Amino acid sequence: MASLSCFRTLALGACNMFHKGSRPLVLCGPSGSGKSTLLKKLFEEFPDTFGYSVSHTTRSPRPGEEDGKHYHFTTKDKMQKQIEQDEFLETATFSGNMYGTSKRAVEEVQKAGKICVLDVEVQGVKQIKQSSLDPLYIFIKAPSIEELEKRLRARKTETEDALQRRLSIARLEIEYELF
């Protein structure tokens, strides 16, 4: 779990950036690193300052997930058409499902007068760096690969194959963060 001091540092830094202009904030890190925990605390403590860009995905909703709140659930054909029409800042494919952040999702948060927070994978960071978005980037990582595996297993949302793919991707993402 992300530490409270880490959260406070993130929150204070992000609030300071609000006074310098509302540049988006990109959080990146492996699944299980603590991004969701940090985001939850950030939105609870500063609900009028930050807004979340709801990503699109072609995967099926998990129990408790709501369309438009957790993700915009869509079909592969529709999302592919939107990609071809340049409607996304970033896209990625994982376990046969497509994910992406639409330009519109970011614009809606900005129109509400909030700092837009994006939660993306390394593939998405690379694409966003090629865009005109100009966000601030924060990489979150777990204390160790072992701890990351423990957290992912505790979720009980992945098959063993999917879990091993996530851990493999996490190792690559951690290497990317080091450069």
N, C-alpha and C. Protein backbone atom coordinates (compact mmCIF):
# COMPACT_ATOMS: atom_id res chain seq x y z
N MET A 1 0.84 -1.18 0.00
CA MET A 1 0.00 0.00 0.00
C MET A 1 0.89 1.25 0.00
N ALA A 2 0.46 2.25 -0.71
CA ALA A 2 1.22 3.49 -0.79
C ALA A 2 1.25 4.16 0.58
N SER A 3 2.38 4.77 0.89
CA SER A 3 2.51 5.38 2.21
C SER A 3 1.78 6.72 2.27
N LEU A 4 1.40 7.10 3.48
CA LEU A 4 0.70 8.37 3.69
C LEU A 4 1.60 9.54 3.34
N SER A 5 2.89 9.45 3.65
CA SER A 5 3.80 10.56 3.32
C SER A 5 3.93 10.72 1.81
N CYS A 6 3.93 9.60 1.09
CA CYS A 6 3.97 9.66 -0.37
C CYS A 6 2.72 10.36 -0.90
N PHE A 7 1.56 10.03 -0.31
CA PHE A 7 0.31 10.68 -0.72
C PHE A 7 0.36 12.18 -0.45
N ARG A 8 0.82 12.56 0.72
CA ARG A 8 0.88 13.99 1.05
C ARG A 8 1.79 14.75 0.09
N THR A 9 2.94 14.14 -0.24
CA THR A 9 3.86 14.77 -1.19
C THR A 9 3.18 14.94 -2.54
N LEU A 10 2.51 13.89 -3.00
CA LEU A 10 1.80 13.95 -4.27
C LEU A 10 0.72 15.02 -4.24
N ALA A 11 -0.07 15.03 -3.18
CA ALA A 11 -1.17 15.98 -3.07
C ALA A 11 -0.68 17.42 -3.02
N LEU A 12 0.34 17.69 -2.21
CA LEU A 12 0.87 19.06 -2.12
C LEU A 12 1.46 19.52 -3.44
N GLY A 13 2.22 18.65 -4.08
CA GLY A 13 2.81 19.00 -5.37
C GLY A 13 1.75 19.25 -6.42
N ALA A 14 0.73 18.41 -6.42
CA ALA A 14 -0.33 18.57 -7.39
C ALA A 14 -1.14 19.84 -7.13
N CYS A 15 -1.39 20.15 -5.87
CA CYS A 15 -2.12 21.39 -5.56
C CYS A 15 -1.30 22.62 -5.97
N ASN A 16 0.00 22.57 -5.78
CA ASN A 16 0.86 23.67 -6.22
C ASN A 16 0.78 23.84 -7.73
N MET A 17 0.70 22.73 -8.46
CA MET A 17 0.65 22.85 -9.91
C MET A 17 -0.66 23.46 -10.37
N PHE A 18 -1.71 23.37 -9.56
CA PHE A 18 -2.98 23.97 -9.93
C PHE A 18 -2.84 25.48 -10.07
N HIS A 19 -1.99 26.05 -9.24
CA HIS A 19 -1.78 27.49 -9.29
C HIS A 19 -0.89 27.89 -10.46
N LYS A 20 -0.19 26.95 -11.05
CA LYS A 20 0.68 27.22 -12.20
C LYS A 20 -0.01 26.90 -13.51
N GLY A 21 -1.27 26.56 -13.49
CA GLY A 21 -1.98 26.15 -14.68
C GLY A 21 -2.40 24.70 -14.50
N SER A 22 -3.46 24.33 -15.12
CA SER A 22 -3.99 22.99 -14.85
C SER A 22 -3.46 21.94 -15.83
N ARG A 23 -2.16 21.72 -15.79
CA ARG A 23 -1.57 20.65 -16.59
C ARG A 23 -2.08 19.31 -16.07
N PRO A 24 -2.41 18.41 -16.97
CA PRO A 24 -2.84 17.08 -16.54
C PRO A 24 -1.75 16.37 -15.75
N LEU A 25 -2.16 15.39 -14.98
CA LEU A 25 -1.26 14.59 -14.16
C LEU A 25 -1.37 13.15 -14.63
N VAL A 26 -0.26 12.57 -15.05
CA VAL A 26 -0.24 11.18 -15.51
C VAL A 26 0.41 10.31 -14.45
N LEU A 27 -0.36 9.35 -13.93
CA LEU A 27 0.17 8.36 -12.99
C LEU A 27 0.41 7.08 -13.76
N CYS A 28 1.59 6.53 -13.58
CA CYS A 28 1.96 5.31 -14.27
C CYS A 28 2.61 4.37 -13.28
N GLY A 29 2.43 3.10 -13.50
CA GLY A 29 3.05 2.09 -12.67
C GLY A 29 2.35 0.77 -12.85
N PRO A 30 2.99 -0.29 -12.45
CA PRO A 30 2.40 -1.62 -12.62
C PRO A 30 1.09 -1.78 -11.85
N SER A 31 0.24 -2.68 -12.33
CA SER A 31 -0.96 -3.05 -11.59
C SER A 31 -0.52 -3.55 -10.22
N GLY A 32 -1.18 -3.07 -9.18
CA GLY A 32 -0.85 -3.48 -7.83
C GLY A 32 0.18 -2.61 -7.14
N SER A 33 0.64 -1.55 -7.81
CA SER A 33 1.68 -0.70 -7.23
C SER A 33 1.14 0.29 -6.20
N GLY A 34 -0.16 0.53 -6.21
CA GLY A 34 -0.75 1.47 -5.26
C GLY A 34 -1.36 2.69 -5.92
N LYS A 35 -1.40 2.71 -7.26
CA LYS A 35 -1.97 3.87 -7.96
C LYS A 35 -3.42 4.12 -7.54
N SER A 36 -4.22 3.07 -7.52
CA SER A 36 -5.64 3.24 -7.19
C SER A 36 -5.82 3.74 -5.77
N THR A 37 -5.00 3.28 -4.85
CA THR A 37 -5.06 3.75 -3.46
C THR A 37 -4.74 5.24 -3.38
N LEU A 38 -3.68 5.64 -4.07
CA LEU A 38 -3.32 7.07 -4.09
C LEU A 38 -4.41 7.91 -4.74
N LEU A 39 -4.95 7.43 -5.85
CA LEU A 39 -6.00 8.17 -6.54
C LEU A 39 -7.23 8.33 -5.65
N LYS A 40 -7.62 7.27 -4.98
CA LYS A 40 -8.79 7.33 -4.11
C LYS A 40 -8.60 8.40 -3.03
N LYS A 41 -7.43 8.41 -2.40
CA LYS A 41 -7.16 9.40 -1.36
C LYS A 41 -7.12 10.81 -1.93
N LEU A 42 -6.51 10.96 -3.09
CA LEU A 42 -6.41 12.27 -3.73
C LEU A 42 -7.79 12.84 -4.03
N PHE A 43 -8.67 12.00 -4.60
CA PHE A 43 -10.01 12.47 -4.94
C PHE A 43 -10.88 12.70 -3.71
N GLU A 44 -10.67 11.91 -2.67
CA GLU A 44 -11.42 12.11 -1.43
C GLU A 44 -11.03 13.42 -0.76
N GLU A 45 -9.73 13.70 -0.73
CA GLU A 45 -9.25 14.88 -0.02
C GLU A 45 -9.40 16.18 -0.83
N PHE A 46 -9.35 16.07 -2.15
CA PHE A 46 -9.42 17.26 -3.02
C PHE A 46 -10.43 17.06 -4.15
N PRO A 47 -11.71 16.85 -3.80
CA PRO A 47 -12.70 16.54 -4.84
C PRO A 47 -12.97 17.68 -5.83
N ASP A 48 -12.72 18.90 -5.43
CA ASP A 48 -12.98 20.03 -6.32
C ASP A 48 -11.76 20.42 -7.16
N THR A 49 -10.63 19.78 -6.89
CA THR A 49 -9.39 20.13 -7.59
C THR A 49 -9.07 19.14 -8.71
N PHE A 50 -9.33 17.86 -8.46
CA PHE A 50 -8.93 16.82 -9.41
C PHE A 50 -10.12 16.10 -10.01
N GLY A 51 -9.95 15.69 -11.26
CA GLY A 51 -10.97 14.90 -11.94
C GLY A 51 -10.29 13.76 -12.68
N TYR A 52 -10.96 12.65 -12.77
CA TYR A 52 -10.39 11.45 -13.38
C TYR A 52 -10.87 11.31 -14.81
N SER A 53 -9.94 11.03 -15.72
CA SER A 53 -10.33 10.75 -17.09
C SER A 53 -10.74 9.28 -17.17
N VAL A 54 -11.96 9.03 -17.50
CA VAL A 54 -12.47 7.67 -17.58
C VAL A 54 -12.02 7.05 -18.90
N SER A 55 -11.27 5.97 -18.79
CA SER A 55 -10.72 5.30 -19.97
C SER A 55 -11.77 4.44 -20.66
N HIS A 56 -11.47 4.09 -21.90
CA HIS A 56 -12.28 3.14 -22.66
C HIS A 56 -11.64 1.76 -22.58
N THR A 57 -12.45 0.74 -22.65
CA THR A 57 -11.93 -0.63 -22.74
C THR A 57 -12.91 -1.51 -23.48
N THR A 58 -12.36 -2.55 -24.10
CA THR A 58 -13.19 -3.53 -24.79
C THR A 58 -13.43 -4.77 -23.93
N ARG A 59 -12.87 -4.78 -22.71
CA ARG A 59 -13.12 -5.94 -21.85
C ARG A 59 -14.49 -5.81 -21.20
N SER A 60 -14.98 -6.93 -20.70
CA SER A 60 -16.27 -6.94 -20.01
C SER A 60 -16.13 -6.32 -18.63
N PRO A 61 -17.19 -5.70 -18.14
CA PRO A 61 -17.14 -5.13 -16.79
C PRO A 61 -16.95 -6.21 -15.73
N ARG A 62 -16.18 -5.89 -14.71
CA ARG A 62 -16.03 -6.77 -13.55
C ARG A 62 -17.18 -6.46 -12.60
N PRO A 63 -17.45 -7.35 -11.66
CA PRO A 63 -18.53 -7.09 -10.70
C PRO A 63 -18.34 -5.74 -10.01
N GLY A 64 -19.39 -4.94 -10.00
CA GLY A 64 -19.36 -3.64 -9.34
C GLY A 64 -18.94 -2.48 -10.24
N GLU A 65 -18.38 -2.78 -11.41
CA GLU A 65 -17.95 -1.70 -12.31
C GLU A 65 -19.14 -1.15 -13.08
N GLU A 66 -19.15 0.18 -13.24
CA GLU A 66 -20.23 0.85 -13.94
C GLU A 66 -19.69 1.55 -15.19
N ASP A 67 -20.45 1.42 -16.28
CA ASP A 67 -20.09 2.09 -17.52
C ASP A 67 -20.13 3.60 -17.31
N GLY A 68 -19.07 4.27 -17.76
CA GLY A 68 -18.99 5.72 -17.62
C GLY A 68 -18.38 6.18 -16.31
N LYS A 69 -18.29 5.28 -15.34
CA LYS A 69 -17.69 5.63 -14.05
C LYS A 69 -16.31 4.99 -13.91
N HIS A 70 -16.24 3.70 -14.09
CA HIS A 70 -14.97 2.99 -13.99
C HIS A 70 -14.27 2.93 -15.33
N TYR A 71 -15.02 2.69 -16.37
CA TYR A 71 -14.55 2.66 -17.76
C TYR A 71 -15.73 3.01 -18.66
N HIS A 72 -15.40 3.36 -19.89
CA HIS A 72 -16.39 3.40 -20.95
C HIS A 72 -16.24 2.04 -21.64
N PHE A 73 -17.19 1.13 -21.41
CA PHE A 73 -17.11 -0.20 -22.00
C PHE A 73 -17.62 -0.11 -23.43
N THR A 74 -16.85 -0.66 -24.35
CA THR A 74 -17.17 -0.54 -25.77
C THR A 74 -16.77 -1.81 -26.51
N THR A 75 -17.02 -1.84 -27.80
CA THR A 75 -16.64 -3.00 -28.61
C THR A 75 -15.32 -2.72 -29.31
N LYS A 76 -14.67 -3.79 -29.76
CA LYS A 76 -13.40 -3.64 -30.48
C LYS A 76 -13.60 -2.86 -31.77
N ASP A 77 -14.67 -3.16 -32.48
CA ASP A 77 -14.93 -2.47 -33.75
C ASP A 77 -15.12 -0.98 -33.55
N LYS A 78 -15.93 -0.61 -32.56
CA LYS A 78 -16.19 0.81 -32.30
C LYS A 78 -14.91 1.52 -31.85
N MET A 79 -14.15 0.89 -30.96
CA MET A 79 -12.92 1.52 -30.47
C MET A 79 -11.91 1.65 -31.60
N GLN A 80 -11.79 0.64 -32.44
CA GLN A 80 -10.86 0.70 -33.57
C GLN A 80 -11.22 1.86 -34.50
N LYS A 81 -12.50 2.04 -34.73
CA LYS A 81 -12.96 3.15 -35.59
C LYS A 81 -12.59 4.49 -34.95
N GLN A 82 -12.76 4.60 -33.62
CA GLN A 82 -12.41 5.84 -32.92
C GLN A 82 -10.90 6.10 -32.97
N ILE A 83 -10.11 5.04 -32.90
CA ILE A 83 -8.65 5.18 -33.00
C ILE A 83 -8.30 5.71 -34.38
N GLU A 84 -8.90 5.15 -35.40
CA GLU A 84 -8.65 5.58 -36.78
C GLU A 84 -9.06 7.04 -36.98
N GLN A 85 -10.03 7.51 -36.23
CA GLN A 85 -10.49 8.90 -36.32
C GLN A 85 -9.71 9.82 -35.39
N ASP A 86 -8.60 9.31 -34.81
CA ASP A 86 -7.69 10.08 -33.95
C ASP A 86 -8.39 10.67 -32.73
N GLU A 87 -9.26 9.87 -32.11
CA GLU A 87 -10.01 10.33 -30.94
C GLU A 87 -9.31 10.01 -29.62
N PHE A 88 -8.16 9.30 -29.67
CA PHE A 88 -7.49 8.88 -28.44
C PHE A 88 -6.11 9.51 -28.30
N LEU A 89 -5.74 9.81 -27.05
CA LEU A 89 -4.39 10.26 -26.73
C LEU A 89 -3.44 9.07 -26.66
N GLU A 90 -3.97 7.95 -26.16
CA GLU A 90 -3.15 6.75 -26.01
C GLU A 90 -4.06 5.54 -26.02
N THR A 91 -3.50 4.44 -26.52
CA THR A 91 -4.19 3.16 -26.50
C THR A 91 -3.19 2.06 -26.20
N ALA A 92 -3.69 0.96 -25.69
CA ALA A 92 -2.85 -0.21 -25.41
C ALA A 92 -3.73 -1.45 -25.49
N THR A 93 -3.08 -2.57 -25.73
CA THR A 93 -3.78 -3.85 -25.73
C THR A 93 -3.16 -4.72 -24.66
N PHE A 94 -4.01 -5.32 -23.83
CA PHE A 94 -3.54 -6.23 -22.80
C PHE A 94 -4.52 -7.38 -22.71
N SER A 95 -3.99 -8.60 -22.73
CA SER A 95 -4.80 -9.82 -22.65
C SER A 95 -5.94 -9.83 -23.66
N GLY A 96 -5.65 -9.33 -24.85
CA GLY A 96 -6.64 -9.35 -25.92
C GLY A 96 -7.68 -8.25 -25.85
N ASN A 97 -7.58 -7.38 -24.85
CA ASN A 97 -8.53 -6.27 -24.70
C ASN A 97 -7.83 -4.95 -24.97
N MET A 98 -8.57 -4.04 -25.56
CA MET A 98 -8.04 -2.71 -25.85
C MET A 98 -8.41 -1.75 -24.72
N TYR A 99 -7.50 -0.83 -24.44
CA TYR A 99 -7.71 0.21 -23.44
C TYR A 99 -7.26 1.53 -24.06
N GLY A 100 -7.83 2.64 -23.62
CA GLY A 100 -7.36 3.92 -24.14
C GLY A 100 -7.98 5.10 -23.43
N THR A 101 -7.29 6.23 -23.54
CA THR A 101 -7.76 7.50 -22.99
C THR A 101 -8.16 8.39 -24.15
N SER A 102 -9.43 8.74 -24.20
CA SER A 102 -9.89 9.60 -25.29
C SER A 102 -9.57 11.06 -24.99
N LYS A 103 -9.37 11.81 -26.05
CA LYS A 103 -9.14 13.25 -25.91
C LYS A 103 -10.35 13.89 -25.23
N ARG A 104 -11.53 13.39 -25.57
CA ARG A 104 -12.76 13.95 -25.02
C ARG A 104 -12.84 13.77 -23.50
N ALA A 105 -12.38 12.61 -23.00
CA ALA A 105 -12.42 12.36 -21.55
C ALA A 105 -11.57 13.39 -20.81
N VAL A 106 -10.41 13.73 -21.36
CA VAL A 106 -9.53 14.72 -20.74
C VAL A 106 -10.17 16.11 -20.83
N GLU A 107 -10.72 16.43 -21.99
CA GLU A 107 -11.35 17.74 -22.19
C GLU A 107 -12.52 17.96 -21.24
N GLU A 108 -13.30 16.91 -20.97
CA GLU A 108 -14.45 17.04 -20.07
C GLU A 108 -14.01 17.41 -18.66
N VAL A 109 -12.92 16.81 -18.20
CA VAL A 109 -12.41 17.13 -16.86
C VAL A 109 -11.89 18.57 -16.84
N GLN A 110 -11.17 18.95 -17.88
CA GLN A 110 -10.62 20.31 -17.94
C GLN A 110 -11.73 21.35 -18.02
N LYS A 111 -12.79 21.05 -18.77
CA LYS A 111 -13.92 21.98 -18.87
C LYS A 111 -14.61 22.18 -17.52
N ALA A 112 -14.52 21.18 -16.67
CA ALA A 112 -15.10 21.27 -15.32
C ALA A 112 -14.19 22.08 -14.38
N GLY A 113 -13.04 22.56 -14.90
CA GLY A 113 -12.13 23.38 -14.11
C GLY A 113 -11.25 22.58 -13.17
N LYS A 114 -11.04 21.31 -13.47
CA LYS A 114 -10.24 20.46 -12.61
C LYS A 114 -8.96 20.01 -13.30
N ILE A 115 -7.99 19.59 -12.49
CA ILE A 115 -6.77 18.99 -13.02
C ILE A 115 -7.13 17.56 -13.40
N CYS A 116 -6.88 17.22 -14.66
CA CYS A 116 -7.21 15.89 -15.15
C CYS A 116 -6.12 14.90 -14.76
N VAL A 117 -6.54 13.80 -14.13
CA VAL A 117 -5.62 12.74 -13.72
C VAL A 117 -5.84 11.54 -14.64
N LEU A 118 -4.75 11.07 -15.24
CA LEU A 118 -4.79 9.90 -16.11
C LEU A 118 -4.00 8.77 -15.46
N ASP A 119 -4.56 7.59 -15.48
CA ASP A 119 -3.90 6.39 -14.95
C ASP A 119 -3.60 5.52 -16.16
N VAL A 120 -2.33 5.49 -16.59
CA VAL A 120 -1.98 4.77 -17.83
C VAL A 120 -0.78 3.86 -17.63
N GLU A 121 -0.65 2.92 -18.54
CA GLU A 121 0.49 2.00 -18.56
C GLU A 121 1.64 2.67 -19.31
N VAL A 122 2.81 2.05 -19.28
CA VAL A 122 4.00 2.61 -19.93
C VAL A 122 3.78 2.84 -21.42
N GLN A 123 3.08 1.91 -22.08
CA GLN A 123 2.79 2.11 -23.50
C GLN A 123 2.08 3.44 -23.72
N GLY A 124 1.13 3.73 -22.83
CA GLY A 124 0.37 4.97 -22.94
C GLY A 124 1.23 6.20 -22.67
N VAL A 125 2.14 6.10 -21.71
CA VAL A 125 3.04 7.22 -21.41
C VAL A 125 3.86 7.56 -22.65
N LYS A 126 4.38 6.56 -23.31
CA LYS A 126 5.18 6.79 -24.52
C LYS A 126 4.37 7.52 -25.58
N GLN A 127 3.10 7.15 -25.73
CA GLN A 127 2.24 7.81 -26.72
C GLN A 127 1.90 9.24 -26.29
N ILE A 128 1.60 9.43 -25.01
CA ILE A 128 1.25 10.76 -24.53
C ILE A 128 2.43 11.71 -24.68
N LYS A 129 3.64 11.20 -24.50
CA LYS A 129 4.83 12.04 -24.68
C LYS A 129 4.96 12.55 -26.11
N GLN A 130 4.33 11.87 -27.05
CA GLN A 130 4.35 12.28 -28.46
C GLN A 130 3.19 13.24 -28.79
N SER A 131 2.30 13.46 -27.83
CA SER A 131 1.15 14.32 -28.05
C SER A 131 1.44 15.75 -27.57
N SER A 132 0.45 16.60 -27.71
CA SER A 132 0.59 17.99 -27.25
C SER A 132 0.03 18.18 -25.84
N LEU A 133 -0.26 17.12 -25.13
CA LEU A 133 -0.91 17.22 -23.82
C LEU A 133 -0.06 17.93 -22.77
N ASP A 134 1.24 17.70 -22.73
CA ASP A 134 2.17 18.35 -21.79
C ASP A 134 1.79 18.14 -20.32
N PRO A 135 1.63 16.88 -19.89
CA PRO A 135 1.29 16.64 -18.49
C PRO A 135 2.52 16.54 -17.60
N LEU A 136 2.27 16.42 -16.30
CA LEU A 136 3.30 16.06 -15.34
C LEU A 136 3.20 14.54 -15.17
N TYR A 137 4.35 13.87 -15.04
CA TYR A 137 4.37 12.41 -14.94
C TYR A 137 4.83 11.97 -13.55
N ILE A 138 4.13 10.97 -13.01
CA ILE A 138 4.52 10.37 -11.73
C ILE A 138 4.50 8.86 -11.91
N PHE A 139 5.63 8.21 -11.57
CA PHE A 139 5.71 6.76 -11.66
C PHE A 139 5.59 6.19 -10.24
N ILE A 140 4.66 5.26 -10.06
CA ILE A 140 4.43 4.61 -8.77
C ILE A 140 4.88 3.16 -8.90
N LYS A 141 5.67 2.69 -7.93
CA LYS A 141 6.05 1.28 -7.98
C LYS A 141 5.91 0.66 -6.60
N ALA A 142 5.70 -0.64 -6.61
CA ALA A 142 5.60 -1.39 -5.36
C ALA A 142 7.00 -1.54 -4.77
N PRO A 143 7.09 -1.84 -3.48
CA PRO A 143 8.41 -1.99 -2.84
C PRO A 143 9.26 -3.08 -3.50
N SER A 144 8.62 -4.12 -4.04
CA SER A 144 9.36 -5.21 -4.67
C SER A 144 8.42 -5.98 -5.60
N ILE A 145 8.99 -6.78 -6.48
CA ILE A 145 8.19 -7.64 -7.35
C ILE A 145 7.42 -8.65 -6.50
N GLU A 146 8.03 -9.11 -5.43
CA GLU A 146 7.37 -10.07 -4.55
C GLU A 146 6.11 -9.46 -3.91
N GLU A 147 6.23 -8.22 -3.46
CA GLU A 147 5.08 -7.54 -2.87
C GLU A 147 4.01 -7.30 -3.93
N LEU A 148 4.44 -6.95 -5.13
CA LEU A 148 3.51 -6.74 -6.23
C LEU A 148 2.73 -8.02 -6.51
N GLU A 149 3.42 -9.14 -6.57
CA GLU A 149 2.76 -10.42 -6.82
C GLU A 149 1.76 -10.73 -5.70
N LYS A 150 2.15 -10.47 -4.47
CA LYS A 150 1.28 -10.70 -3.32
C LYS A 150 -0.02 -9.88 -3.45
N ARG A 151 0.12 -8.61 -3.83
CA ARG A 151 -1.04 -7.74 -3.98
C ARG A 151 -1.95 -8.22 -5.11
N LEU A 152 -1.35 -8.59 -6.24
CA LEU A 152 -2.15 -9.05 -7.37
C LEU A 152 -2.89 -10.35 -7.04
N ARG A 153 -2.21 -11.25 -6.36
CA ARG A 153 -2.87 -12.51 -5.97
C ARG A 153 -4.01 -12.25 -4.99
N ALA A 154 -3.85 -11.28 -4.10
CA ALA A 154 -4.89 -10.96 -3.12
C ALA A 154 -6.16 -10.44 -3.78
N ARG A 155 -6.05 -9.84 -4.94
CA ARG A 155 -7.22 -9.34 -5.66
C ARG A 155 -8.14 -10.47 -6.12
N LYS A 156 -7.54 -11.58 -6.49
CA LYS A 156 -8.27 -12.75 -6.99
C LYS A 156 -9.12 -12.41 -8.21
N THR A 157 -8.57 -11.56 -9.09
CA THR A 157 -9.30 -11.19 -10.31
C THR A 157 -8.62 -11.73 -11.57
N GLU A 158 -7.48 -12.39 -11.42
CA GLU A 158 -6.70 -12.82 -12.58
C GLU A 158 -6.52 -14.33 -12.61
N THR A 159 -6.45 -14.88 -13.81
CA THR A 159 -6.02 -16.26 -13.94
C THR A 159 -4.52 -16.29 -13.69
N GLU A 160 -3.96 -17.47 -13.50
CA GLU A 160 -2.51 -17.57 -13.29
C GLU A 160 -1.74 -17.03 -14.49
N ASP A 161 -2.21 -17.34 -15.69
CA ASP A 161 -1.54 -16.83 -16.90
C ASP A 161 -1.58 -15.31 -16.96
N ALA A 162 -2.74 -14.73 -16.68
CA ALA A 162 -2.88 -13.27 -16.70
C ALA A 162 -2.00 -12.64 -15.63
N LEU A 163 -1.93 -13.26 -14.46
CA LEU A 163 -1.10 -12.74 -13.39
C LEU A 163 0.37 -12.76 -13.80
N GLN A 164 0.82 -13.84 -14.40
CA GLN A 164 2.21 -13.93 -14.84
C GLN A 164 2.51 -12.89 -15.93
N ARG A 165 1.54 -12.64 -16.82
CA ARG A 165 1.73 -11.59 -17.85
C ARG A 165 1.86 -10.23 -17.18
N ARG A 166 1.01 -9.96 -16.18
CA ARG A 166 1.08 -8.68 -15.47
C ARG A 166 2.44 -8.50 -14.78
N LEU A 167 2.95 -9.56 -14.17
CA LEU A 167 4.25 -9.48 -13.50
C LEU A 167 5.36 -9.26 -14.52
N SER A 168 5.27 -9.90 -15.65
CA SER A 168 6.27 -9.71 -16.71
C SER A 168 6.26 -8.27 -17.21
N ILE A 169 5.08 -7.74 -17.41
CA ILE A 169 4.94 -6.35 -17.85
C ILE A 169 5.46 -5.41 -16.75
N ALA A 170 5.17 -5.73 -15.50
CA ALA A 170 5.63 -4.89 -14.38
C ALA A 170 7.15 -4.79 -14.37
N ARG A 171 7.83 -5.89 -14.63
CA ARG A 171 9.30 -5.86 -14.66
C ARG A 171 9.79 -4.90 -15.75
N LEU A 172 9.15 -4.93 -16.92
CA LEU A 172 9.51 -4.01 -18.00
C LEU A 172 9.21 -2.57 -17.64
N GLU A 173 8.07 -2.34 -17.00
CA GLU A 173 7.69 -0.98 -16.60
C GLU A 173 8.66 -0.41 -15.58
N ILE A 174 9.11 -1.23 -14.66
CA ILE A 174 10.06 -0.77 -13.65
C ILE A 174 11.38 -0.41 -14.32
N GLU A 175 11.79 -1.20 -15.32
CA GLU A 175 13.01 -0.86 -16.07
C GLU A 175 12.84 0.47 -16.77
N TYR A 176 11.67 0.69 -17.37
CA TYR A 176 11.40 1.95 -18.07
C TYR A 176 11.51 3.14 -17.11
N GLU A 177 11.00 2.98 -15.90
CA GLU A 177 11.02 4.05 -14.91
C GLU A 177 12.44 4.43 -14.55
N LEU A 178 13.35 3.48 -14.61
CA LEU A 178 14.72 3.75 -14.21
C LEU A 178 15.50 4.61 -15.21
N PHE A 179 14.97 4.77 -16.39
CA PHE A 179 15.71 5.54 -17.42
C PHE A 179 15.15 6.93 -17.59
